[in-house]
Amino acid sequence: MECILAPEARSYSESARKHVRGDVGPPGTGAAAQKYPDYCRTITVQDSHGGVKELVFPKALDLDRPKRARTTFSPEQLFQLEKEFQRNQYLVGKERTQLAKQLKLSETQVKVWFQNRRTKYKRDRSRDHESTGSKSESLATCNILRLLQNQVPRPTCTNYLPPYHYAFPGYSTS
């Protein structure tokens, strides 16, 4: 049996989090133990409308653990990391160990910084690619419109065709 988060529990509001009533007993006691295996944790919350919902999470999530503080890099560390990224986007082994030591960071911090930087690089590249594509598309459209306005095909067999006045601005039949 799996721990399944009920659909209504996935989107409960911030105000609902303030009304957490706590776990529904230890494993083996109460109604929650009968519904879910002992590796699941059940929390009962009251949403903003007064309704009570039961949320089920795997105990491995360790929801009580405080969130780790975000790493703040110094300007010098960022400069060195960026410089190394320009040289090589994938830093492994001794190079990563040496850079971490030089910058007084853990290897994990350096590894994660490089992962995040590669993600940012790919995102920026795809964004640039999209904007270049739309610019060239609009440039092509403008060129076609310009050609149509300036070089409207004139009938070659005027004897058989009635005169036709084109509705393009700037076009004259003379």
N, C-alpha and C. Protein backbone atom coordinates (compact mmCIF):
# COMPACT_ATOMS: atom_id res chain seq x y z
N MET A 1 0.85 -1.19 0.00
CA MET A 1 0.00 0.00 0.00
C MET A 1 0.88 1.24 0.00
N GLU A 2 0.53 2.25 -0.77
CA GLU A 2 1.31 3.48 -0.87
C GLU A 2 0.66 4.61 -0.09
N CYS A 3 1.50 5.58 0.31
CA CYS A 3 0.97 6.80 0.89
C CYS A 3 0.52 7.68 -0.26
N ILE A 4 -0.72 8.01 -0.29
CA ILE A 4 -1.25 8.82 -1.38
C ILE A 4 -1.78 10.12 -0.81
N LEU A 5 -1.35 11.21 -1.40
CA LEU A 5 -1.84 12.52 -0.98
C LEU A 5 -3.13 12.79 -1.73
N ALA A 6 -4.19 12.96 -1.00
CA ALA A 6 -5.50 13.19 -1.60
C ALA A 6 -5.48 14.45 -2.45
N PRO A 7 -6.20 14.47 -3.61
CA PRO A 7 -6.18 15.63 -4.50
C PRO A 7 -6.54 16.94 -3.81
N GLU A 8 -7.52 16.90 -2.92
CA GLU A 8 -7.90 18.14 -2.26
C GLU A 8 -6.83 18.61 -1.29
N ALA A 9 -5.97 17.72 -0.85
CA ALA A 9 -4.91 18.09 0.09
C ALA A 9 -3.74 18.74 -0.62
N ARG A 10 -3.57 18.48 -1.91
CA ARG A 10 -2.45 19.05 -2.65
C ARG A 10 -2.54 20.55 -2.76
N SER A 11 -3.73 21.09 -2.73
CA SER A 11 -3.88 22.53 -2.97
C SER A 11 -4.46 23.27 -1.77
N TYR A 12 -4.26 22.74 -0.58
CA TYR A 12 -4.82 23.46 0.55
C TYR A 12 -4.08 24.77 0.77
N SER A 13 -4.80 25.77 1.22
CA SER A 13 -4.27 27.13 1.28
C SER A 13 -3.35 27.35 2.47
N GLU A 14 -2.66 28.50 2.44
CA GLU A 14 -1.78 28.89 3.54
C GLU A 14 -2.55 28.97 4.86
N SER A 15 -3.76 29.47 4.78
CA SER A 15 -4.53 29.61 6.02
C SER A 15 -4.83 28.24 6.62
N ALA A 16 -4.92 27.23 5.78
CA ALA A 16 -5.18 25.89 6.29
C ALA A 16 -3.98 25.39 7.07
N ARG A 17 -2.77 25.76 6.65
CA ARG A 17 -1.57 25.30 7.35
C ARG A 17 -1.52 25.82 8.78
N LYS A 18 -2.15 26.95 9.04
CA LYS A 18 -2.13 27.53 10.38
C LYS A 18 -3.01 26.75 11.35
N HIS A 19 -3.88 25.92 10.81
CA HIS A 19 -4.82 25.20 11.65
C HIS A 19 -4.48 23.72 11.77
N VAL A 20 -3.20 23.38 11.70
CA VAL A 20 -2.82 21.98 11.80
C VAL A 20 -3.14 21.47 13.19
N ARG A 21 -3.80 20.33 13.22
CA ARG A 21 -4.18 19.78 14.53
C ARG A 21 -3.21 18.71 15.00
N GLY A 22 -2.27 18.30 14.13
CA GLY A 22 -1.26 17.34 14.56
C GLY A 22 -1.51 15.95 14.02
N ASP A 23 -0.61 15.03 14.38
CA ASP A 23 -0.70 13.64 13.93
C ASP A 23 -1.87 12.94 14.58
N VAL A 24 -2.37 11.97 13.87
CA VAL A 24 -3.47 11.17 14.41
C VAL A 24 -2.86 9.93 15.04
N GLY A 25 -2.30 10.12 16.18
CA GLY A 25 -1.79 9.02 16.99
C GLY A 25 -0.59 8.30 16.42
N PRO A 26 0.09 7.54 17.27
CA PRO A 26 1.24 6.76 16.84
C PRO A 26 0.79 5.53 16.05
N PRO A 27 1.70 4.88 15.32
CA PRO A 27 1.31 3.71 14.55
C PRO A 27 0.66 2.65 15.43
N GLY A 28 -0.36 2.06 14.90
CA GLY A 28 -1.04 0.99 15.63
C GLY A 28 -2.20 1.45 16.49
N THR A 29 -2.47 2.76 16.56
CA THR A 29 -3.59 3.23 17.38
C THR A 29 -4.51 4.08 16.54
N GLY A 30 -5.75 4.11 16.87
CA GLY A 30 -6.72 5.00 16.23
C GLY A 30 -7.10 4.57 14.82
N ALA A 31 -7.95 5.39 14.21
CA ALA A 31 -8.51 5.09 12.88
C ALA A 31 -7.47 5.22 11.79
N ALA A 32 -6.51 6.12 11.96
CA ALA A 32 -5.52 6.36 10.91
C ALA A 32 -4.64 5.13 10.70
N ALA A 33 -4.35 4.39 11.78
CA ALA A 33 -3.51 3.22 11.67
C ALA A 33 -4.18 2.13 10.84
N GLN A 34 -5.48 2.09 10.87
CA GLN A 34 -6.20 1.08 10.10
C GLN A 34 -6.25 1.45 8.62
N LYS A 35 -6.29 2.73 8.30
CA LYS A 35 -6.39 3.18 6.91
C LYS A 35 -5.06 3.14 6.19
N TYR A 36 -3.95 3.47 6.87
CA TYR A 36 -2.67 3.65 6.22
C TYR A 36 -1.60 2.82 6.90
N PRO A 37 -0.56 2.43 6.14
CA PRO A 37 0.54 1.67 6.75
C PRO A 37 1.34 2.54 7.72
N ASP A 38 2.17 1.90 8.54
CA ASP A 38 2.88 2.64 9.59
C ASP A 38 3.97 3.57 9.05
N TYR A 39 4.34 3.49 7.77
CA TYR A 39 5.33 4.41 7.24
C TYR A 39 4.69 5.70 6.72
N CYS A 40 3.40 5.86 6.97
CA CYS A 40 2.70 7.07 6.58
C CYS A 40 2.42 7.93 7.80
N ARG A 41 2.40 9.22 7.57
CA ARG A 41 2.07 10.17 8.63
C ARG A 41 0.79 10.89 8.22
N THR A 42 -0.15 10.99 9.14
CA THR A 42 -1.43 11.61 8.84
C THR A 42 -1.55 12.90 9.64
N ILE A 43 -1.95 13.96 8.95
CA ILE A 43 -2.16 15.25 9.60
C ILE A 43 -3.58 15.69 9.27
N THR A 44 -4.29 16.16 10.29
CA THR A 44 -5.62 16.69 10.07
C THR A 44 -5.54 18.20 10.07
N VAL A 45 -6.11 18.83 9.04
CA VAL A 45 -6.09 20.29 8.94
C VAL A 45 -7.49 20.81 8.72
N GLN A 46 -7.66 22.05 9.11
CA GLN A 46 -8.94 22.72 8.88
C GLN A 46 -8.70 23.80 7.84
N ASP A 47 -9.44 23.74 6.72
CA ASP A 47 -9.23 24.71 5.66
C ASP A 47 -9.93 26.03 5.98
N SER A 48 -9.81 27.01 5.10
CA SER A 48 -10.35 28.34 5.34
C SER A 48 -11.88 28.37 5.41
N HIS A 49 -12.53 27.32 4.88
CA HIS A 49 -13.99 27.25 4.91
C HIS A 49 -14.52 26.46 6.10
N GLY A 50 -13.62 26.01 6.97
CA GLY A 50 -14.03 25.27 8.16
C GLY A 50 -14.07 23.77 7.96
N GLY A 51 -13.83 23.30 6.74
CA GLY A 51 -13.83 21.86 6.49
C GLY A 51 -12.56 21.21 7.01
N VAL A 52 -12.69 19.98 7.47
CA VAL A 52 -11.55 19.25 8.00
C VAL A 52 -11.09 18.23 6.96
N LYS A 53 -9.79 18.22 6.72
CA LYS A 53 -9.20 17.31 5.73
C LYS A 53 -8.09 16.52 6.39
N GLU A 54 -7.92 15.31 5.92
CA GLU A 54 -6.85 14.46 6.42
C GLU A 54 -5.77 14.38 5.35
N LEU A 55 -4.55 14.80 5.68
CA LEU A 55 -3.44 14.76 4.74
C LEU A 55 -2.54 13.59 5.09
N VAL A 56 -2.08 12.87 4.06
CA VAL A 56 -1.24 11.70 4.28
C VAL A 56 0.10 11.92 3.59
N PHE A 57 1.18 11.79 4.36
CA PHE A 57 2.53 11.98 3.84
C PHE A 57 3.40 10.80 4.23
N PRO A 58 4.43 10.49 3.46
CA PRO A 58 5.40 9.49 3.92
C PRO A 58 6.18 10.07 5.09
N LYS A 59 6.45 9.27 6.09
CA LYS A 59 7.20 9.76 7.25
C LYS A 59 8.61 10.19 6.86
N ALA A 60 9.14 9.65 5.78
CA ALA A 60 10.50 9.97 5.34
C ALA A 60 10.65 11.44 4.97
N LEU A 61 9.55 12.14 4.71
CA LEU A 61 9.65 13.57 4.37
C LEU A 61 10.19 14.40 5.52
N ASP A 62 10.05 13.92 6.74
CA ASP A 62 10.56 14.62 7.93
C ASP A 62 10.10 16.07 7.94
N LEU A 63 8.81 16.27 8.01
CA LEU A 63 8.21 17.59 7.92
C LEU A 63 8.55 18.51 9.09
N ASP A 64 9.00 17.94 10.20
CA ASP A 64 9.31 18.76 11.38
C ASP A 64 10.70 19.37 11.32
N ARG A 65 11.54 18.86 10.42
CA ARG A 65 12.91 19.34 10.34
C ARG A 65 12.94 20.77 9.79
N PRO A 66 13.70 21.67 10.41
CA PRO A 66 13.76 23.04 9.89
C PRO A 66 14.46 23.08 8.53
N LYS A 67 14.07 24.03 7.72
CA LYS A 67 14.64 24.18 6.38
C LYS A 67 16.06 24.73 6.49
N ARG A 68 16.96 24.19 5.65
CA ARG A 68 18.35 24.63 5.66
C ARG A 68 18.44 26.05 5.11
N ALA A 69 19.31 26.84 5.68
CA ALA A 69 19.49 28.22 5.23
C ALA A 69 20.10 28.23 3.83
N ARG A 70 19.71 29.19 3.02
CA ARG A 70 20.22 29.32 1.67
C ARG A 70 21.67 29.80 1.70
N THR A 71 22.51 29.20 0.86
CA THR A 71 23.92 29.59 0.80
C THR A 71 24.05 30.94 0.11
N THR A 72 24.80 31.84 0.72
CA THR A 72 25.06 33.14 0.11
C THR A 72 26.52 33.15 -0.31
N PHE A 73 26.75 33.36 -1.60
CA PHE A 73 28.12 33.38 -2.11
C PHE A 73 28.64 34.81 -2.12
N SER A 74 29.90 34.96 -1.80
CA SER A 74 30.53 36.29 -1.84
C SER A 74 30.77 36.67 -3.31
N PRO A 75 30.94 37.96 -3.58
CA PRO A 75 31.23 38.38 -4.96
C PRO A 75 32.48 37.71 -5.53
N GLU A 76 33.51 37.52 -4.70
CA GLU A 76 34.73 36.86 -5.16
C GLU A 76 34.46 35.40 -5.51
N GLN A 77 33.68 34.70 -4.68
CA GLN A 77 33.33 33.31 -4.97
C GLN A 77 32.54 33.22 -6.27
N LEU A 78 31.57 34.11 -6.45
CA LEU A 78 30.76 34.11 -7.68
C LEU A 78 31.63 34.38 -8.90
N PHE A 79 32.57 35.31 -8.76
CA PHE A 79 33.46 35.63 -9.87
C PHE A 79 34.27 34.40 -10.28
N GLN A 80 34.84 33.70 -9.29
CA GLN A 80 35.65 32.51 -9.57
C GLN A 80 34.78 31.38 -10.14
N LEU A 81 33.58 31.20 -9.60
CA LEU A 81 32.68 30.16 -10.10
C LEU A 81 32.28 30.44 -11.55
N GLU A 82 31.93 31.69 -11.85
CA GLU A 82 31.55 32.07 -13.22
C GLU A 82 32.73 31.90 -14.18
N LYS A 83 33.91 32.29 -13.72
CA LYS A 83 35.11 32.16 -14.54
C LYS A 83 35.36 30.69 -14.89
N GLU A 84 35.22 29.83 -13.89
CA GLU A 84 35.40 28.40 -14.11
C GLU A 84 34.31 27.84 -15.01
N PHE A 85 33.09 28.35 -14.85
CA PHE A 85 31.97 27.89 -15.69
C PHE A 85 32.20 28.25 -17.15
N GLN A 86 32.76 29.43 -17.41
CA GLN A 86 33.06 29.84 -18.79
C GLN A 86 34.11 28.92 -19.41
N ARG A 87 35.01 28.43 -18.57
CA ARG A 87 36.07 27.53 -19.05
C ARG A 87 35.54 26.12 -19.25
N ASN A 88 34.72 25.67 -18.30
CA ASN A 88 34.24 24.29 -18.33
C ASN A 88 32.91 24.21 -17.58
N GLN A 89 31.84 23.79 -18.28
CA GLN A 89 30.52 23.74 -17.65
C GLN A 89 30.35 22.54 -16.73
N TYR A 90 31.18 21.52 -16.89
CA TYR A 90 31.08 20.33 -16.06
C TYR A 90 32.36 20.16 -15.26
N LEU A 91 32.26 20.40 -13.96
CA LEU A 91 33.42 20.35 -13.08
C LEU A 91 33.31 19.10 -12.21
N VAL A 92 34.26 18.17 -12.32
CA VAL A 92 34.21 16.93 -11.55
C VAL A 92 35.58 16.61 -10.98
N GLY A 93 35.58 15.67 -10.06
CA GLY A 93 36.82 15.12 -9.51
C GLY A 93 37.69 16.13 -8.80
N LYS A 94 38.99 16.05 -9.12
CA LYS A 94 39.98 16.90 -8.45
C LYS A 94 39.72 18.38 -8.67
N GLU A 95 39.26 18.73 -9.89
CA GLU A 95 39.00 20.16 -10.18
C GLU A 95 37.95 20.72 -9.22
N ARG A 96 36.88 19.95 -9.00
CA ARG A 96 35.84 20.42 -8.08
C ARG A 96 36.36 20.50 -6.66
N THR A 97 37.14 19.51 -6.25
CA THR A 97 37.71 19.50 -4.90
C THR A 97 38.62 20.71 -4.70
N GLN A 98 39.47 20.99 -5.69
CA GLN A 98 40.40 22.12 -5.58
C GLN A 98 39.65 23.46 -5.54
N LEU A 99 38.64 23.60 -6.41
CA LEU A 99 37.89 24.85 -6.43
C LEU A 99 37.14 25.05 -5.11
N ALA A 100 36.56 23.98 -4.58
CA ALA A 100 35.84 24.07 -3.31
C ALA A 100 36.79 24.51 -2.19
N LYS A 101 37.98 23.91 -2.16
CA LYS A 101 38.97 24.29 -1.15
C LYS A 101 39.39 25.74 -1.31
N GLN A 102 39.67 26.14 -2.54
CA GLN A 102 40.12 27.50 -2.83
C GLN A 102 39.07 28.53 -2.40
N LEU A 103 37.79 28.21 -2.62
CA LEU A 103 36.71 29.16 -2.30
C LEU A 103 36.13 28.98 -0.90
N LYS A 104 36.68 27.99 -0.15
CA LYS A 104 36.20 27.69 1.21
C LYS A 104 34.71 27.34 1.20
N LEU A 105 34.35 26.46 0.23
CA LEU A 105 32.99 25.94 0.12
C LEU A 105 33.06 24.43 0.17
N SER A 106 31.93 23.79 0.40
CA SER A 106 31.90 22.32 0.34
C SER A 106 31.81 21.91 -1.12
N GLU A 107 32.21 20.68 -1.40
CA GLU A 107 32.11 20.16 -2.77
C GLU A 107 30.65 20.13 -3.23
N THR A 108 29.77 19.83 -2.29
CA THR A 108 28.34 19.79 -2.63
C THR A 108 27.85 21.17 -3.05
N GLN A 109 28.29 22.21 -2.36
CA GLN A 109 27.88 23.57 -2.73
C GLN A 109 28.37 23.92 -4.14
N VAL A 110 29.59 23.54 -4.46
CA VAL A 110 30.14 23.80 -5.80
C VAL A 110 29.37 23.00 -6.84
N LYS A 111 29.11 21.72 -6.53
CA LYS A 111 28.38 20.86 -7.46
C LYS A 111 26.99 21.43 -7.75
N VAL A 112 26.27 21.81 -6.71
CA VAL A 112 24.91 22.34 -6.87
C VAL A 112 24.95 23.68 -7.61
N TRP A 113 25.95 24.52 -7.32
CA TRP A 113 26.05 25.80 -8.03
C TRP A 113 26.20 25.54 -9.53
N PHE A 114 27.05 24.59 -9.90
CA PHE A 114 27.25 24.28 -11.32
C PHE A 114 25.97 23.70 -11.95
N GLN A 115 25.27 22.86 -11.23
CA GLN A 115 23.99 22.32 -11.75
C GLN A 115 23.01 23.46 -12.02
N ASN A 116 22.87 24.35 -11.03
CA ASN A 116 21.94 25.47 -11.19
C ASN A 116 22.38 26.41 -12.31
N ARG A 117 23.68 26.62 -12.45
CA ARG A 117 24.19 27.52 -13.48
C ARG A 117 23.96 26.94 -14.88
N ARG A 118 24.12 25.61 -15.01
CA ARG A 118 23.85 24.97 -16.31
C ARG A 118 22.37 25.10 -16.66
N THR A 119 21.50 24.95 -15.67
CA THR A 119 20.07 25.10 -15.90
C THR A 119 19.75 26.51 -16.36
N LYS A 120 20.34 27.51 -15.69
CA LYS A 120 20.12 28.90 -16.07
C LYS A 120 20.64 29.17 -17.48
N TYR A 121 21.80 28.61 -17.80
CA TYR A 121 22.39 28.78 -19.12
C TYR A 121 21.47 28.22 -20.21
N LYS A 122 20.95 27.02 -19.98
CA LYS A 122 20.05 26.39 -20.97
C LYS A 122 18.76 27.19 -21.11
N ARG A 123 18.23 27.66 -20.00
CA ARG A 123 16.99 28.46 -20.03
C ARG A 123 17.21 29.76 -20.82
N ASP A 124 18.33 30.44 -20.54
CA ASP A 124 18.64 31.69 -21.24
C ASP A 124 18.85 31.43 -22.73
N ARG A 125 19.53 30.34 -23.05
CA ARG A 125 19.77 30.01 -24.46
C ARG A 125 18.48 29.73 -25.20
N SER A 126 17.57 28.99 -24.57
CA SER A 126 16.30 28.68 -25.25
C SER A 126 15.46 29.95 -25.39
N ARG A 127 15.52 30.85 -24.40
CA ARG A 127 14.79 32.12 -24.48
C ARG A 127 15.35 32.98 -25.62
N ASP A 128 16.67 33.02 -25.75
CA ASP A 128 17.30 33.77 -26.84
C ASP A 128 16.94 33.16 -28.19
N HIS A 129 16.91 31.84 -28.23
CA HIS A 129 16.57 31.13 -29.46
C HIS A 129 15.14 31.46 -29.90
N GLU A 130 14.21 31.49 -28.93
CA GLU A 130 12.82 31.81 -29.23
C GLU A 130 12.68 33.24 -29.75
N SER A 131 13.35 34.18 -29.10
CA SER A 131 13.23 35.58 -29.51
C SER A 131 13.88 35.79 -30.88
N THR A 132 14.98 35.11 -31.17
CA THR A 132 15.62 35.20 -32.48
C THR A 132 14.68 34.64 -33.54
N GLY A 133 14.03 33.53 -33.23
CA GLY A 133 13.09 32.91 -34.17
C GLY A 133 11.93 33.82 -34.48
N SER A 134 11.37 34.46 -33.48
CA SER A 134 10.23 35.35 -33.71
C SER A 134 10.67 36.61 -34.45
N LYS A 135 11.89 37.10 -34.19
CA LYS A 135 12.39 38.27 -34.91
C LYS A 135 12.57 37.96 -36.38
N SER A 136 13.16 36.80 -36.69
CA SER A 136 13.39 36.45 -38.09
C SER A 136 12.07 36.18 -38.79
N GLU A 137 11.09 35.60 -38.05
CA GLU A 137 9.77 35.37 -38.62
C GLU A 137 9.10 36.69 -38.98
N SER A 138 9.14 37.65 -38.07
CA SER A 138 8.49 38.93 -38.34
C SER A 138 9.24 39.69 -39.43
N LEU A 139 10.56 39.53 -39.50
CA LEU A 139 11.33 40.17 -40.56
C LEU A 139 10.95 39.59 -41.92
N ALA A 140 10.80 38.28 -41.97
CA ALA A 140 10.39 37.62 -43.22
C ALA A 140 9.00 38.09 -43.64
N THR A 141 8.09 38.18 -42.68
CA THR A 141 6.73 38.65 -42.97
C THR A 141 6.76 40.07 -43.52
N CYS A 142 7.55 40.93 -42.91
CA CYS A 142 7.67 42.33 -43.38
C CYS A 142 8.21 42.37 -44.81
N ASN A 143 9.22 41.54 -45.08
CA ASN A 143 9.80 41.52 -46.42
C ASN A 143 8.78 41.07 -47.46
N ILE A 144 8.00 40.07 -47.15
CA ILE A 144 6.97 39.58 -48.08
C ILE A 144 5.93 40.66 -48.33
N LEU A 145 5.47 41.32 -47.27
CA LEU A 145 4.49 42.39 -47.42
C LEU A 145 5.05 43.53 -48.28
N ARG A 146 6.32 43.86 -48.06
CA ARG A 146 6.96 44.92 -48.84
C ARG A 146 7.01 44.54 -50.32
N LEU A 147 7.36 43.28 -50.59
CA LEU A 147 7.40 42.82 -51.98
C LEU A 147 6.02 42.88 -52.62
N LEU A 148 5.01 42.46 -51.86
CA LEU A 148 3.65 42.48 -52.40
C LEU A 148 3.17 43.91 -52.68
N GLN A 149 3.55 44.82 -51.82
CA GLN A 149 3.12 46.20 -52.00
C GLN A 149 3.83 46.87 -53.17
N ASN A 150 5.10 46.59 -53.35
CA ASN A 150 5.89 47.27 -54.37
C ASN A 150 5.91 46.56 -55.72
N GLN A 151 5.70 45.28 -55.72
CA GLN A 151 5.82 44.54 -56.98
C GLN A 151 4.57 43.70 -57.23
N VAL A 152 3.47 44.35 -57.32
CA VAL A 152 2.22 43.65 -57.57
C VAL A 152 2.24 43.19 -59.02
N PRO A 153 1.97 41.90 -59.27
CA PRO A 153 2.00 41.41 -60.65
C PRO A 153 0.91 42.09 -61.49
N ARG A 154 1.32 42.55 -62.65
CA ARG A 154 0.37 43.21 -63.55
C ARG A 154 -0.06 42.20 -64.62
N PRO A 155 -1.29 42.25 -65.01
CA PRO A 155 -1.75 41.30 -66.04
C PRO A 155 -1.03 41.55 -67.35
N THR A 156 -0.63 40.47 -68.01
CA THR A 156 0.08 40.59 -69.28
C THR A 156 -0.89 40.60 -70.47
N CYS A 157 -2.02 39.99 -70.29
CA CYS A 157 -3.00 39.96 -71.38
C CYS A 157 -4.10 40.96 -71.08
N THR A 158 -3.85 42.21 -71.33
CA THR A 158 -4.83 43.25 -71.01
C THR A 158 -6.02 43.23 -71.94
N ASN A 159 -5.88 42.59 -73.09
CA ASN A 159 -7.00 42.54 -74.04
C ASN A 159 -8.16 41.70 -73.50
N TYR A 160 -7.85 40.68 -72.71
CA TYR A 160 -8.89 39.76 -72.26
C TYR A 160 -9.39 40.05 -70.85
N LEU A 161 -8.65 40.84 -70.09
CA LEU A 161 -9.01 41.08 -68.69
C LEU A 161 -9.51 42.50 -68.49
N PRO A 162 -10.56 42.66 -67.68
CA PRO A 162 -11.02 44.01 -67.36
C PRO A 162 -9.99 44.68 -66.46
N PRO A 163 -9.93 45.99 -66.45
CA PRO A 163 -8.97 46.67 -65.57
C PRO A 163 -9.29 46.38 -64.11
N TYR A 164 -8.27 46.15 -63.32
CA TYR A 164 -8.43 45.84 -61.91
C TYR A 164 -7.59 46.82 -61.11
N HIS A 165 -8.19 47.42 -60.13
CA HIS A 165 -7.47 48.37 -59.29
C HIS A 165 -7.09 47.69 -57.98
N TYR A 166 -5.78 47.57 -57.76
CA TYR A 166 -5.28 46.93 -56.55
C TYR A 166 -5.45 47.85 -55.35
N ALA A 167 -5.78 47.25 -54.24
CA ALA A 167 -6.05 48.03 -53.03
C ALA A 167 -4.82 48.13 -52.14
N PHE A 168 -3.64 48.10 -52.71
CA PHE A 168 -2.43 48.23 -51.90
C PHE A 168 -2.04 49.71 -51.83
N PRO A 169 -1.72 50.21 -50.65
CA PRO A 169 -1.32 51.61 -50.54
C PRO A 169 0.00 51.84 -51.29
N GLY A 170 0.06 52.94 -52.00
CA GLY A 170 1.29 53.27 -52.72
C GLY A 170 1.34 52.70 -54.11
N TYR A 171 0.35 51.91 -54.51
CA TYR A 171 0.35 51.32 -55.84
C TYR A 171 -0.39 52.24 -56.82
N SER A 172 0.21 52.45 -57.97
CA SER A 172 -0.47 53.24 -58.99
C SER A 172 -0.43 52.47 -60.31
N THR A 173 -1.43 52.61 -61.15
CA THR A 173 -1.50 51.89 -62.42
C THR A 173 -0.75 52.58 -63.53
N SER A 174 -0.12 53.71 -63.27
CA SER A 174 0.59 54.42 -64.33
C SER A 174 2.00 53.89 -64.51
